[in-house]
C-alpha atoms as a PDB file:
ATOM      1  CA  MET A   1     -19.577   5.296  11.389  1.00  0.00           C
ATOM      2  CA  ASP A   2     -20.219   7.972   8.820  1.00  0.00           C
ATOM      3  CA  CYS A   3     -19.472   7.488   5.137  1.00  0.00           C
ATOM      4  CA  LYS A   4     -16.631  10.016   5.087  1.00  0.00           C
ATOM      5  CA  ARG A   5     -14.786   8.309   7.967  1.00  0.00           C
ATOM      6  CA  SER A   6     -15.387   4.888   6.438  1.00  0.00           C
ATOM      7  CA  THR A   7     -13.874   6.048   3.149  1.00  0.00           C
ATOM      8  CA  ARG A   8     -10.901   7.526   5.007  1.00  0.00           C
ATOM      9  CA  LEU A   9     -10.282   4.220   6.804  1.00  0.00           C
ATOM     10  CA  GLU A  10     -10.502   2.277   3.541  1.00  0.00           C
ATOM     11  CA  ARG A  11      -7.913   4.586   1.976  1.00  0.00           C
ATOM     12  CA  LEU A  12      -5.611   4.191   4.967  1.00  0.00           C
ATOM     13  CA  ARG A  13      -5.899   0.419   4.711  1.00  0.00           C
ATOM     14  CA  TRP A  14      -4.998   0.582   1.022  1.00  0.00           C
ATOM     15  CA  ARG A  15      -2.028   2.875   1.745  1.00  0.00           C
ATOM     16  CA  SER A  16      -0.855   0.420   4.426  1.00  0.00           C
ATOM     17  CA  ARG A  17      -0.107  -2.087   1.672  1.00  0.00           C
ATOM     18  CA  ARG A  18       3.590  -1.423   1.235  1.00  0.00           C
ATOM     19  CA  GLY A  19       6.473  -2.448  -0.989  1.00  0.00           C
ATOM     20  CA  LEU A  20       8.226  -3.971   2.013  1.00  0.00           C
ATOM     21  CA  LEU A  21       6.328  -7.147   2.933  1.00  0.00           C
ATOM     22  CA  GLU A  22       7.639  -7.199   6.506  1.00  0.00           C
ATOM     23  CA  LEU A  23       6.185  -3.741   7.058  1.00  0.00           C
ATOM     24  CA  GLU A  24       2.886  -4.643   5.460  1.00  0.00           C
ATOM     25  CA  LEU A  25       2.600  -7.627   7.811  1.00  0.00           C
ATOM     26  CA  LEU A  26       2.936  -5.237  10.754  1.00  0.00           C
ATOM     27  CA  LEU A  27       0.661  -2.452   9.532  1.00  0.00           C
ATOM     28  CA  LEU A  28      -2.332  -4.332   8.112  1.00  0.00           C
ATOM     29  CA  PRO A  29      -3.264  -6.173  11.330  1.00  0.00           C
ATOM     30  CA  PHE A  30      -3.073  -2.855  13.204  1.00  0.00           C
ATOM     31  CA  VAL A  31      -5.275  -1.176  10.624  1.00  0.00           C
ATOM     32  CA  ASP A  32      -7.823  -3.994  10.684  1.00  0.00           C
ATOM     33  CA  ALA A  33      -8.006  -4.195  14.483  1.00  0.00           C
ATOM     34  CA  GLU A  34      -7.458  -0.643  15.711  1.00  0.00           C
ATOM     35  CA  MET A  35      -8.115   2.017  13.090  1.00  0.00           C
ATOM     36  CA  GLY A  36     -11.853   2.299  13.685  1.00  0.00           C
ATOM     37  CA  ASP A  37     -11.217   3.282  17.302  1.00  0.00           C
ATOM     38  CA  LEU A  38      -8.536   5.906  16.684  1.00  0.00           C
ATOM     39  CA  SER A  39      -9.259   9.602  17.137  1.00  0.00           C
ATOM     40  CA  ASP A  40      -9.128  11.911  14.139  1.00  0.00           C
ATOM     41  CA  GLY A  41      -5.828  13.258  15.470  1.00  0.00           C
ATOM     42  CA  LEU A  42      -4.235   9.819  15.523  1.00  0.00           C
ATOM     43  CA  LEU A  43      -5.641   9.046  12.092  1.00  0.00           C
ATOM     44  CA  ALA A  44      -3.957  12.201  10.794  1.00  0.00           C
ATOM     45  CA  ARG A  45      -0.671  11.091  12.364  1.00  0.00           C
ATOM     46  CA  PHE A  46      -1.076   7.645  10.797  1.00  0.00           C
ATOM     47  CA  GLU A  47      -1.576   9.306   7.410  1.00  0.00           C
ATOM     48  CA  LYS A  48       1.630  11.270   7.985  1.00  0.00           C
ATOM     49  CA  LEU A  49       3.394   8.058   9.025  1.00  0.00           C
ATOM     50  CA  LEU A  50       2.380   6.445   5.737  1.00  0.00           C
ATOM     51  CA  ASP A  51       4.003   9.338   3.871  1.00  0.00           C
ATOM     52  CA  CYS A  52       7.387   8.237   5.247  1.00  0.00           C
ATOM     53  CA  ASP A  53       9.887   5.856   3.701  1.00  0.00           C
ATOM     54  CA  ASP A  54       9.184   2.162   4.287  1.00  0.00           C
ATOM     55  CA  MET A  55      12.566   1.485   5.869  1.00  0.00           C
ATOM     56  CA  ASP A  56      12.163   4.414   8.272  1.00  0.00           C
ATOM     57  CA  ILE A  57       8.740   3.177   9.369  1.00  0.00           C
ATOM     58  CA  TYR A  58      10.057  -0.365   9.793  1.00  0.00           C
ATOM     59  CA  GLU A  59      12.999   0.844  11.912  1.00  0.00           C
ATOM     60  CA  TRP A  60      10.636   2.880  14.093  1.00  0.00           C
ATOM     61  CA  LEU A  61       8.234  -0.018  14.618  1.00  0.00           C
ATOM     62  CA  MET A  62      11.120  -2.334  15.473  1.00  0.00           C
ATOM     63  CA  ALA A  63      12.345   0.303  17.985  1.00  0.00           C
ATOM     64  CA  ARG A  64      15.705   0.543  16.261  1.00  0.00           C
ATOM     65  CA  SER A  65      15.317   4.304  15.935  1.00  0.00           C
ATOM     66  CA  GLU A  66      12.835   6.975  16.970  1.00  0.00           C
ATOM     67  CA  PRO A  67      10.545   8.951  14.656  1.00  0.00           C
ATOM     68  CA  GLU A  68      10.160  12.699  14.584  1.00  0.00           C
ATOM     69  CA  ARG A  69       8.222  14.115  17.517  1.00  0.00           C
ATOM     70  CA  GLU A  70       4.923  14.390  15.651  1.00  0.00           C
ATOM     71  CA  LEU A  71       4.905  10.637  14.946  1.00  0.00           C
ATOM     72  CA  VAL A  72       5.965   9.351  18.376  1.00  0.00           C
ATOM     73  CA  THR A  73       2.377   8.830  19.561  1.00  0.00           C
ATOM     74  CA  ILE A  74       1.179   6.838  16.560  1.00  0.00           C
ATOM     75  CA  VAL A  75       4.357   4.746  16.456  1.00  0.00           C
ATOM     76  CA  ALA A  76       3.810   3.958  20.149  1.00  0.00           C
ATOM     77  CA  GLU A  77       0.215   2.928  19.364  1.00  0.00           C
ATOM     78  CA  VAL A  78       1.343   0.529  16.644  1.00  0.00           C
ATOM     79  CA  ARG A  79       4.190  -0.839  18.810  1.00  0.00           C
ATOM     80  CA  GLY A  80       1.754  -1.390  21.675  1.00  0.00           C
ATOM     81  CA  PHE A  81      -0.622  -3.267  19.401  1.00  0.00           C
ATOM     82  CA  LEU A  82       2.212  -5.407  18.084  1.00  0.00           C
ATOM     83  CA  ALA A  83       3.367  -6.207  21.629  1.00  0.00           C
ATOM     84  CA  ARG A  84      -0.155  -7.174  22.713  1.00  0.00           C
ATOM     85  CA  THR A  85      -0.820  -9.372  19.706  1.00  0.00           C
ATOM     86  CA  SER A  86       2.687 -10.753  19.121  1.00  0.00           C
ATOM     87  CA  VAL A  87       2.441 -10.109  15.383  1.00  0.00           C
END
């Protein structure tokens, strides 16, 4: 992994630390397990996801509401990870 990508992943991990503990407990395991394998496109969507309000992200991950179209793919990735790992 190149230095630039490594730095990007470290920043995304830091940004995944949220004010809402329940959300942090969902995002950090995903980041630790899956982020290194994501395409640049999905990483960009994850960055955009992290720009959203904590409660919106939490509702999307809990499948209580649906995100905007651009975020559907990354939310599905995180939901799939959560379903596979029973976090």
